[in-house]
Amino acid sequence: MYTADLFPLDNFPVECMVTDDKRRIVYINRYIEKQYGYSSDELLGADLFVLLSKASQIMYDIYIASCITAAGVTTRACYEHTG
């Protein structure tokens, strides 16, 4: 049995989200639905910034986006890696 089977992300007691390279939300777990009051149908495909305060948006742009870019992480790179 894989760890993912034992500990599905939907049951994590913390926020778990996946976005694409354009900041679109492609996965959220149930904790985020409860925490923010949105359903997954409302958030999937939405811009990540709908969940972030202005200060968090600035932090994302300054630190996280630049780290991702510097590391060369893109959707294409992820697909090529997992093949």
PDB file of N, CA and C in Angstrom:
ATOM      1  N   MET A   1       0.850  -1.183   0.000  1.00  0.00           N
ATOM      2  CA  MET A   1       0.000   0.000   0.000  1.00  0.00           C
ATOM      3  C   MET A   1       0.894   1.245   0.000  1.00  0.00           C
ATOM      4  N   TYR A   2       0.526   2.222  -0.812  1.00  0.00           N
ATOM      5  CA  TYR A   2       1.293   3.457  -0.911  1.00  0.00           C
ATOM      6  C   TYR A   2       0.900   4.435   0.186  1.00  0.00           C
ATOM      7  N   THR A   3       1.827   5.315   0.533  1.00  0.00           N
ATOM      8  CA  THR A   3       1.546   6.344   1.537  1.00  0.00           C
ATOM      9  C   THR A   3       0.340   7.173   1.134  1.00  0.00           C
ATOM     10  N   ALA A   4       0.212   7.478  -0.151  1.00  0.00           N
ATOM     11  CA  ALA A   4      -0.930   8.269  -0.623  1.00  0.00           C
ATOM     12  C   ALA A   4      -2.247   7.573  -0.312  1.00  0.00           C
ATOM     13  N   ASP A   5      -2.246   6.247  -0.304  1.00  0.00           N
ATOM     14  CA  ASP A   5      -3.452   5.507   0.038  1.00  0.00           C
ATOM     15  C   ASP A   5      -3.744   5.576   1.531  1.00  0.00           C
ATOM     16  N   LEU A   6      -2.691   5.586   2.335  1.00  0.00           N
ATOM     17  CA  LEU A   6      -2.860   5.635   3.785  1.00  0.00           C
ATOM     18  C   LEU A   6      -3.241   7.023   4.278  1.00  0.00           C
ATOM     19  N   PHE A   7      -2.714   8.044   3.627  1.00  0.00           N
ATOM     20  CA  PHE A   7      -2.929   9.418   4.058  1.00  0.00           C
ATOM     21  C   PHE A   7      -3.395  10.275   2.886  1.00  0.00           C
ATOM     22  N   PRO A   8      -4.630  10.087   2.436  1.00  0.00           N
ATOM     23  CA  PRO A   8      -5.093  10.877   1.297  1.00  0.00           C
ATOM     24  C   PRO A   8      -5.092  12.372   1.625  1.00  0.00           C
ATOM     25  N   LEU A   9      -4.701  13.175   0.654  1.00  0.00           N
ATOM     26  CA  LEU A   9      -4.598  14.617   0.863  1.00  0.00           C
ATOM     27  C   LEU A   9      -5.917  15.239   1.287  1.00  0.00           C
ATOM     28  N   ASP A  10      -7.025  14.675   0.841  1.00  0.00           N
ATOM     29  CA  ASP A  10      -8.320  15.237   1.224  1.00  0.00           C
ATOM     30  C   ASP A  10      -8.546  15.193   2.727  1.00  0.00           C
ATOM     31  N   ASN A  11      -7.901  14.267   3.410  1.00  0.00           N
ATOM     32  CA  ASN A  11      -8.105  14.125   4.851  1.00  0.00           C
ATOM     33  C   ASN A  11      -7.043  14.814   5.694  1.00  0.00           C
ATOM     34  N   PHE A  12      -6.077  15.473   5.066  1.00  0.00           N
ATOM     35  CA  PHE A  12      -5.047  16.184   5.832  1.00  0.00           C
ATOM     36  C   PHE A  12      -5.692  17.279   6.678  1.00  0.00           C
ATOM     37  N   PRO A  13      -5.240  17.460   7.913  1.00  0.00           N
ATOM     38  CA  PRO A  13      -5.804  18.498   8.788  1.00  0.00           C
ATOM     39  C   PRO A  13      -5.162  19.866   8.559  1.00  0.00           C
ATOM     40  N   VAL A  14      -4.579  20.060   7.385  1.00  0.00           N
ATOM     41  CA  VAL A  14      -3.972  21.342   7.002  1.00  0.00           C
ATOM     42  C   VAL A  14      -4.331  21.621   5.547  1.00  0.00           C
ATOM     43  N   GLU A  15      -4.124  22.864   5.147  1.00  0.00           N
ATOM     44  CA  GLU A  15      -4.422  23.249   3.772  1.00  0.00           C
ATOM     45  C   GLU A  15      -3.468  22.576   2.798  1.00  0.00           C
ATOM     46  N   CYS A  16      -4.017  22.072   1.712  1.00  0.00           N
ATOM     47  CA  CYS A  16      -3.209  21.494   0.643  1.00  0.00           C
ATOM     48  C   CYS A  16      -3.816  21.944  -0.680  1.00  0.00           C
ATOM     49  N   MET A  17      -2.983  22.581  -1.490  1.00  0.00           N
ATOM     50  CA  MET A  17      -3.454  23.115  -2.754  1.00  0.00           C
ATOM     51  C   MET A  17      -2.381  22.929  -3.816  1.00  0.00           C
ATOM     52  N   VAL A  18      -2.818  22.722  -5.043  1.00  0.00           N
ATOM     53  CA  VAL A  18      -1.908  22.638  -6.180  1.00  0.00           C
ATOM     54  C   VAL A  18      -2.382  23.649  -7.206  1.00  0.00           C
ATOM     55  N   THR A  19      -1.414  24.404  -7.750  1.00  0.00           N
ATOM     56  CA  THR A  19      -1.735  25.355  -8.813  1.00  0.00           C
ATOM     57  C   THR A  19      -0.881  25.046 -10.035  1.00  0.00           C
ATOM     58  N   ASP A  20      -1.306  25.570 -11.164  1.00  0.00           N
ATOM     59  CA  ASP A  20      -0.482  25.419 -12.361  1.00  0.00           C
ATOM     60  C   ASP A  20       0.448  26.621 -12.486  1.00  0.00           C
ATOM     61  N   ASP A  21       1.161  26.697 -13.586  1.00  0.00           N
ATOM     62  CA  ASP A  21       2.146  27.767 -13.760  1.00  0.00           C
ATOM     63  C   ASP A  21       1.519  29.136 -14.016  1.00  0.00           C
ATOM     64  N   LYS A  22       0.206  29.181 -14.141  1.00  0.00           N
ATOM     65  CA  LYS A  22      -0.488  30.458 -14.308  1.00  0.00           C
ATOM     66  C   LYS A  22      -1.287  30.827 -13.053  1.00  0.00           C
ATOM     67  N   ARG A  23      -0.976  30.179 -11.947  1.00  0.00           N
ATOM     68  CA  ARG A  23      -1.601  30.394 -10.638  1.00  0.00           C
ATOM     69  C   ARG A  23      -3.039  29.884 -10.572  1.00  0.00           C
ATOM     70  N   ARG A  24      -3.491  29.117 -11.552  1.00  0.00           N
ATOM     71  CA  ARG A  24      -4.851  28.570 -11.498  1.00  0.00           C
ATOM     72  C   ARG A  24      -4.862  27.386 -10.538  1.00  0.00           C
ATOM     73  N   ILE A  25      -5.872  27.338  -9.717  1.00  0.00           N
ATOM     74  CA  ILE A  25      -6.011  26.253  -8.746  1.00  0.00           C
ATOM     75  C   ILE A  25      -6.475  24.994  -9.476  1.00  0.00           C
ATOM     76  N   VAL A  26      -5.718  23.913  -9.313  1.00  0.00           N
ATOM     77  CA  VAL A  26      -6.080  22.647  -9.954  1.00  0.00           C
ATOM     78  C   VAL A  26      -6.446  21.568  -8.933  1.00  0.00           C
ATOM     79  N   TYR A  27      -6.153  21.813  -7.656  1.00  0.00           N
ATOM     80  CA  TYR A  27      -6.540  20.871  -6.610  1.00  0.00           C
ATOM     81  C   TYR A  27      -6.603  21.603  -5.279  1.00  0.00           C
ATOM     82  N   ILE A  28      -7.626  21.307  -4.499  1.00  0.00           N
ATOM     83  CA  ILE A  28      -7.690  21.739  -3.095  1.00  0.00           C
ATOM     84  C   ILE A  28      -8.204  20.559  -2.282  1.00  0.00           C
ATOM     85  N   ASN A  29      -7.807  20.515  -1.022  1.00  0.00           N
ATOM     86  CA  ASN A  29      -8.341  19.457  -0.172  1.00  0.00           C
ATOM     87  C   ASN A  29      -9.554  19.983   0.603  1.00  0.00           C
ATOM     88  N   ARG A  30     -10.191  19.103   1.338  1.00  0.00           N
ATOM     89  CA  ARG A  30     -11.418  19.465   2.064  1.00  0.00           C
ATOM     90  C   ARG A  30     -11.174  20.526   3.133  1.00  0.00           C
ATOM     91  N   TYR A  31      -9.988  20.511   3.717  1.00  0.00           N
ATOM     92  CA  TYR A  31      -9.674  21.497   4.753  1.00  0.00           C
ATOM     93  C   TYR A  31      -9.809  22.914   4.207  1.00  0.00           C
ATOM     94  N   ILE A  32      -9.350  23.144   2.992  1.00  0.00           N
ATOM     95  CA  ILE A  32      -9.467  24.478   2.387  1.00  0.00           C
ATOM     96  C   ILE A  32     -10.931  24.831   2.183  1.00  0.00           C
ATOM     97  N   GLU A  33     -11.731  23.868   1.757  1.00  0.00           N
ATOM     98  CA  GLU A  33     -13.164  24.130   1.587  1.00  0.00           C
ATOM     99  C   GLU A  33     -13.779  24.597   2.906  1.00  0.00           C
ATOM    100  N   LYS A  34     -13.436  23.905   3.983  1.00  0.00           N
ATOM    101  CA  LYS A  34     -13.981  24.267   5.294  1.00  0.00           C
ATOM    102  C   LYS A  34     -13.422  25.597   5.790  1.00  0.00           C
ATOM    103  N   GLN A  35     -12.129  25.801   5.610  1.00  0.00           N
ATOM    104  CA  GLN A  35     -11.450  26.988   6.123  1.00  0.00           C
ATOM    105  C   GLN A  35     -11.932  28.268   5.443  1.00  0.00           C
ATOM    106  N   TYR A  36     -12.092  28.215   4.124  1.00  0.00           N
ATOM    107  CA  TYR A  36     -12.433  29.419   3.368  1.00  0.00           C
ATOM    108  C   TYR A  36     -13.908  29.510   2.998  1.00  0.00           C
ATOM    109  N   GLY A  37     -14.642  28.414   3.129  1.00  0.00           N
ATOM    110  CA  GLY A  37     -16.066  28.440   2.833  1.00  0.00           C
ATOM    111  C   GLY A  37     -16.414  28.357   1.354  1.00  0.00           C
ATOM    112  N   TYR A  38     -15.461  27.954   0.528  1.00  0.00           N
ATOM    113  CA  TYR A  38     -15.707  27.758  -0.900  1.00  0.00           C
ATOM    114  C   TYR A  38     -15.744  26.264  -1.196  1.00  0.00           C
ATOM    115  N   SER A  39     -16.543  25.883  -2.181  1.00  0.00           N
ATOM    116  CA  SER A  39     -16.513  24.490  -2.631  1.00  0.00           C
ATOM    117  C   SER A  39     -15.385  24.322  -3.639  1.00  0.00           C
ATOM    118  N   SER A  40     -14.996  23.085  -3.869  1.00  0.00           N
ATOM    119  CA  SER A  40     -13.951  22.844  -4.866  1.00  0.00           C
ATOM    120  C   SER A  40     -14.421  23.297  -6.245  1.00  0.00           C
ATOM    121  N   ASP A  41     -15.719  23.159  -6.531  1.00  0.00           N
ATOM    122  CA  ASP A  41     -16.250  23.622  -7.819  1.00  0.00           C
ATOM    123  C   ASP A  41     -16.035  25.118  -8.010  1.00  0.00           C
ATOM    124  N   GLU A  42     -16.134  25.882  -6.928  1.00  0.00           N
ATOM    125  CA  GLU A  42     -15.934  27.330  -7.016  1.00  0.00           C
ATOM    126  C   GLU A  42     -14.467  27.698  -7.205  1.00  0.00           C
ATOM    127  N   LEU A  43     -13.566  26.920  -6.621  1.00  0.00           N
ATOM    128  CA  LEU A  43     -12.149  27.282  -6.641  1.00  0.00           C
ATOM    129  C   LEU A  43     -11.347  26.676  -7.783  1.00  0.00           C
ATOM    130  N   LEU A  44     -11.723  25.510  -8.254  1.00  0.00           N
ATOM    131  CA  LEU A  44     -10.944  24.885  -9.320  1.00  0.00           C
ATOM    132  C   LEU A  44     -10.973  25.758 -10.568  1.00  0.00           C
ATOM    133  N   GLY A  45      -9.804  26.104 -11.047  1.00  0.00           N
ATOM    134  CA  GLY A  45      -9.673  26.984 -12.204  1.00  0.00           C
ATOM    135  C   GLY A  45      -9.555  28.453 -11.847  1.00  0.00           C
ATOM    136  N   ALA A  46      -9.829  28.783 -10.583  1.00  0.00           N
ATOM    137  CA  ALA A  46      -9.730  30.179 -10.143  1.00  0.00           C
ATOM    138  C   ALA A  46      -8.274  30.557  -9.899  1.00  0.00           C
ATOM    139  N   ASP A  47      -8.012  31.850  -9.922  1.00  0.00           N
ATOM    140  CA  ASP A  47      -6.673  32.359  -9.623  1.00  0.00           C
ATOM    141  C   ASP A  47      -6.393  32.174  -8.133  1.00  0.00           C
ATOM    142  N   LEU A  48      -5.205  31.729  -7.814  1.00  0.00           N
ATOM    143  CA  LEU A  48      -4.775  31.540  -6.427  1.00  0.00           C
ATOM    144  C   LEU A  48      -5.027  32.782  -5.580  1.00  0.00           C
ATOM    145  N   PHE A  49      -4.886  33.951  -6.192  1.00  0.00           N
ATOM    146  CA  PHE A  49      -4.991  35.199  -5.441  1.00  0.00           C
ATOM    147  C   PHE A  49      -6.376  35.444  -4.846  1.00  0.00           C
ATOM    148  N   VAL A  50      -7.415  34.708  -5.266  1.00  0.00           N
ATOM    149  CA  VAL A  50      -8.730  34.887  -4.651  1.00  0.00           C
ATOM    150  C   VAL A  50      -8.694  34.479  -3.184  1.00  0.00           C
ATOM    151  N   LEU A  51      -7.719  33.646  -2.808  1.00  0.00           N
ATOM    152  CA  LEU A  51      -7.613  33.185  -1.423  1.00  0.00           C
ATOM    153  C   LEU A  51      -6.584  33.962  -0.604  1.00  0.00           C
ATOM    154  N   LEU A  52      -5.800  34.808  -1.253  1.00  0.00           N
ATOM    155  CA  LEU A  52      -4.702  35.489  -0.567  1.00  0.00           C
ATOM    156  C   LEU A  52      -5.010  36.956  -0.308  1.00  0.00           C
ATOM    157  N   SER A  53      -4.571  37.427   0.848  1.00  0.00           N
ATOM    158  CA  SER A  53      -4.661  38.859   1.142  1.00  0.00           C
ATOM    159  C   SER A  53      -3.696  39.601   0.224  1.00  0.00           C
ATOM    160  N   LYS A  54      -3.837  40.910   0.137  1.00  0.00           N
ATOM    161  CA  LYS A  54      -2.935  41.713  -0.699  1.00  0.00           C
ATOM    162  C   LYS A  54      -1.481  41.504  -0.255  1.00  0.00           C
ATOM    163  N   ALA A  55      -1.236  41.472   1.052  1.00  0.00           N
ATOM    164  CA  ALA A  55       0.124  41.264   1.560  1.00  0.00           C
ATOM    165  C   ALA A  55       0.662  39.898   1.130  1.00  0.00           C
ATOM    166  N   SER A  56      -0.181  38.877   1.190  1.00  0.00           N
ATOM    167  CA  SER A  56       0.246  37.537   0.773  1.00  0.00           C
ATOM    168  C   SER A  56       0.494  37.474  -0.729  1.00  0.00           C
ATOM    169  N   GLN A  57      -0.289  38.217  -1.497  1.00  0.00           N
ATOM    170  CA  GLN A  57      -0.070  38.275  -2.947  1.00  0.00           C
ATOM    171  C   GLN A  57       1.297  38.875  -3.257  1.00  0.00           C
ATOM    172  N   ILE A  58       1.649  39.929  -2.538  1.00  0.00           N
ATOM    173  CA  ILE A  58       2.953  40.569  -2.733  1.00  0.00           C
ATOM    174  C   ILE A  58       4.069  39.599  -2.353  1.00  0.00           C
ATOM    175  N   MET A  59       3.915  38.920  -1.227  1.00  0.00           N
ATOM    176  CA  MET A  59       4.918  37.939  -0.800  1.00  0.00           C
ATOM    177  C   MET A  59       5.063  36.832  -1.843  1.00  0.00           C
ATOM    178  N   TYR A  60       3.948  36.385  -2.381  1.00  0.00           N
ATOM    179  CA  TYR A  60       3.991  35.351  -3.417  1.00  0.00           C
ATOM    180  C   TYR A  60       4.789  35.846  -4.621  1.00  0.00           C
ATOM    181  N   ASP A  61       4.448  37.033  -5.092  1.00  0.00           N
ATOM    182  CA  ASP A  61       5.127  37.577  -6.277  1.00  0.00           C
ATOM    183  C   ASP A  61       6.617  37.794  -6.044  1.00  0.00           C
ATOM    184  N   ILE A  62       6.974  38.267  -4.860  1.00  0.00           N
ATOM    185  CA  ILE A  62       8.379  38.578  -4.584  1.00  0.00           C
ATOM    186  C   ILE A  62       9.197  37.321  -4.312  1.00  0.00           C
ATOM    187  N   TYR A  63       8.681  36.431  -3.483  1.00  0.00           N
ATOM    188  CA  TYR A  63       9.482  35.303  -3.023  1.00  0.00           C
ATOM    189  C   TYR A  63       9.168  33.984  -3.723  1.00  0.00           C
ATOM    190  N   ILE A  64       7.930  33.583  -3.699  1.00  0.00           N
ATOM    191  CA  ILE A  64       7.596  32.254  -4.213  1.00  0.00           C
ATOM    192  C   ILE A  64       7.727  32.189  -5.727  1.00  0.00           C
ATOM    193  N   ALA A  65       7.124  33.139  -6.430  1.00  0.00           N
ATOM    194  CA  ALA A  65       7.189  33.112  -7.897  1.00  0.00           C
ATOM    195  C   ALA A  65       8.626  33.197  -8.386  1.00  0.00           C
ATOM    196  N   SER A  66       9.428  34.029  -7.733  1.00  0.00           N
ATOM    197  CA  SER A  66      10.821  34.157  -8.175  1.00  0.00           C
ATOM    198  C   SER A  66      11.617  32.883  -7.891  1.00  0.00           C
ATOM    199  N   CYS A  67      11.328  32.205  -6.791  1.00  0.00           N
ATOM    200  CA  CYS A  67      12.004  30.930  -6.495  1.00  0.00           C
ATOM    201  C   CYS A  67      11.613  29.861  -7.512  1.00  0.00           C
ATOM    202  N   ILE A  68      10.348  29.822  -7.861  1.00  0.00           N
ATOM    203  CA  ILE A  68       9.879  28.850  -8.849  1.00  0.00           C
ATOM    204  C   ILE A  68      10.543  29.119 -10.191  1.00  0.00           C
ATOM    205  N   THR A  69      10.577  30.387 -10.579  1.00  0.00           N
ATOM    206  CA  THR A  69      11.203  30.755 -11.849  1.00  0.00           C
ATOM    207  C   THR A  69      12.692  30.438 -11.835  1.00  0.00           C
ATOM    208  N   ALA A  70      13.365  30.772 -10.744  1.00  0.00           N
ATOM    209  CA  ALA A  70      14.807  30.524 -10.638  1.00  0.00           C
ATOM    210  C   ALA A  70      15.119  29.033 -10.700  1.00  0.00           C
ATOM    211  N   ALA A  71      14.225  28.225 -10.151  1.00  0.00           N
ATOM    212  CA  ALA A  71      14.434  26.778 -10.153  1.00  0.00           C
ATOM    213  C   ALA A  71      14.058  26.155 -11.494  1.00  0.00           C
ATOM    214  N   GLY A  72      13.430  26.958 -12.355  1.00  0.00           N
ATOM    215  CA  GLY A  72      13.037  26.449 -13.663  1.00  0.00           C
ATOM    216  C   GLY A  72      11.853  25.515 -13.621  1.00  0.00           C
ATOM    217  N   VAL A  73      11.034  25.638 -12.590  1.00  0.00           N
ATOM    218  CA  VAL A  73       9.871  24.771 -12.456  1.00  0.00           C
ATOM    219  C   VAL A  73       8.750  25.313 -13.333  1.00  0.00           C
ATOM    220  N   THR A  74       8.295  24.494 -14.243  1.00  0.00           N
ATOM    221  CA  THR A  74       7.168  24.839 -15.102  1.00  0.00           C
ATOM    222  C   THR A  74       6.291  23.617 -15.242  1.00  0.00           C
ATOM    223  N   THR A  75       5.111  23.826 -15.758  1.00  0.00           N
ATOM    224  CA  THR A  75       4.236  22.690 -16.008  1.00  0.00           C
ATOM    225  C   THR A  75       4.920  21.712 -16.948  1.00  0.00           C
ATOM    226  N   ARG A  76       5.557  22.228 -17.985  1.00  0.00           N
ATOM    227  CA  ARG A  76       6.241  21.364 -18.947  1.00  0.00           C
ATOM    228  C   ARG A  76       7.328  20.544 -18.253  1.00  0.00           C
ATOM    229  N   ALA A  77       8.125  21.181 -17.400  1.00  0.00           N
ATOM    230  CA  ALA A  77       9.203  20.468 -16.711  1.00  0.00           C
ATOM    231  C   ALA A  77       8.639  19.364 -15.829  1.00  0.00           C
ATOM    232  N   CYS A  78       7.523  19.630 -15.172  1.00  0.00           N
ATOM    233  CA  CYS A  78       6.913  18.613 -14.312  1.00  0.00           C
ATOM    234  C   CYS A  78       6.439  17.426 -15.138  1.00  0.00           C
ATOM    235  N   TYR A  79       5.798  17.690 -16.287  1.00  0.00           N
ATOM    236  CA  TYR A  79       5.333  16.603 -17.145  1.00  0.00           C
ATOM    237  C   TYR A  79       6.495  15.803 -17.706  1.00  0.00           C
ATOM    238  N   GLU A  80       7.557  16.493 -18.103  1.00  0.00           N
ATOM    239  CA  GLU A  80       8.713  15.798 -18.656  1.00  0.00           C
ATOM    240  C   GLU A  80       9.381  14.929 -17.602  1.00  0.00           C
ATOM    241  N   HIS A  81       9.384  15.410 -16.361  1.00  0.00           N
ATOM    242  CA  HIS A  81      10.012  14.656 -15.274  1.00  0.00           C
ATOM    243  C   HIS A  81       9.226  13.381 -14.960  1.00  0.00           C
ATOM    244  N   THR A  82       7.893  13.495 -14.953  1.00  0.00           N
ATOM    245  CA  THR A  82       7.067  12.344 -14.594  1.00  0.00           C
ATOM    246  C   THR A  82       6.779  11.450 -15.787  1.00  0.00           C
ATOM    247  N   GLY A  83       7.063  11.970 -16.987  1.00  0.00           N
ATOM    248  CA  GLY A  83       7.020  11.241 -18.219  1.00  0.00           C
ATOM    249  C   GLY A  83       5.841  10.484 -18.565  1.00  0.00           C
TER     250      GLY A  83
END
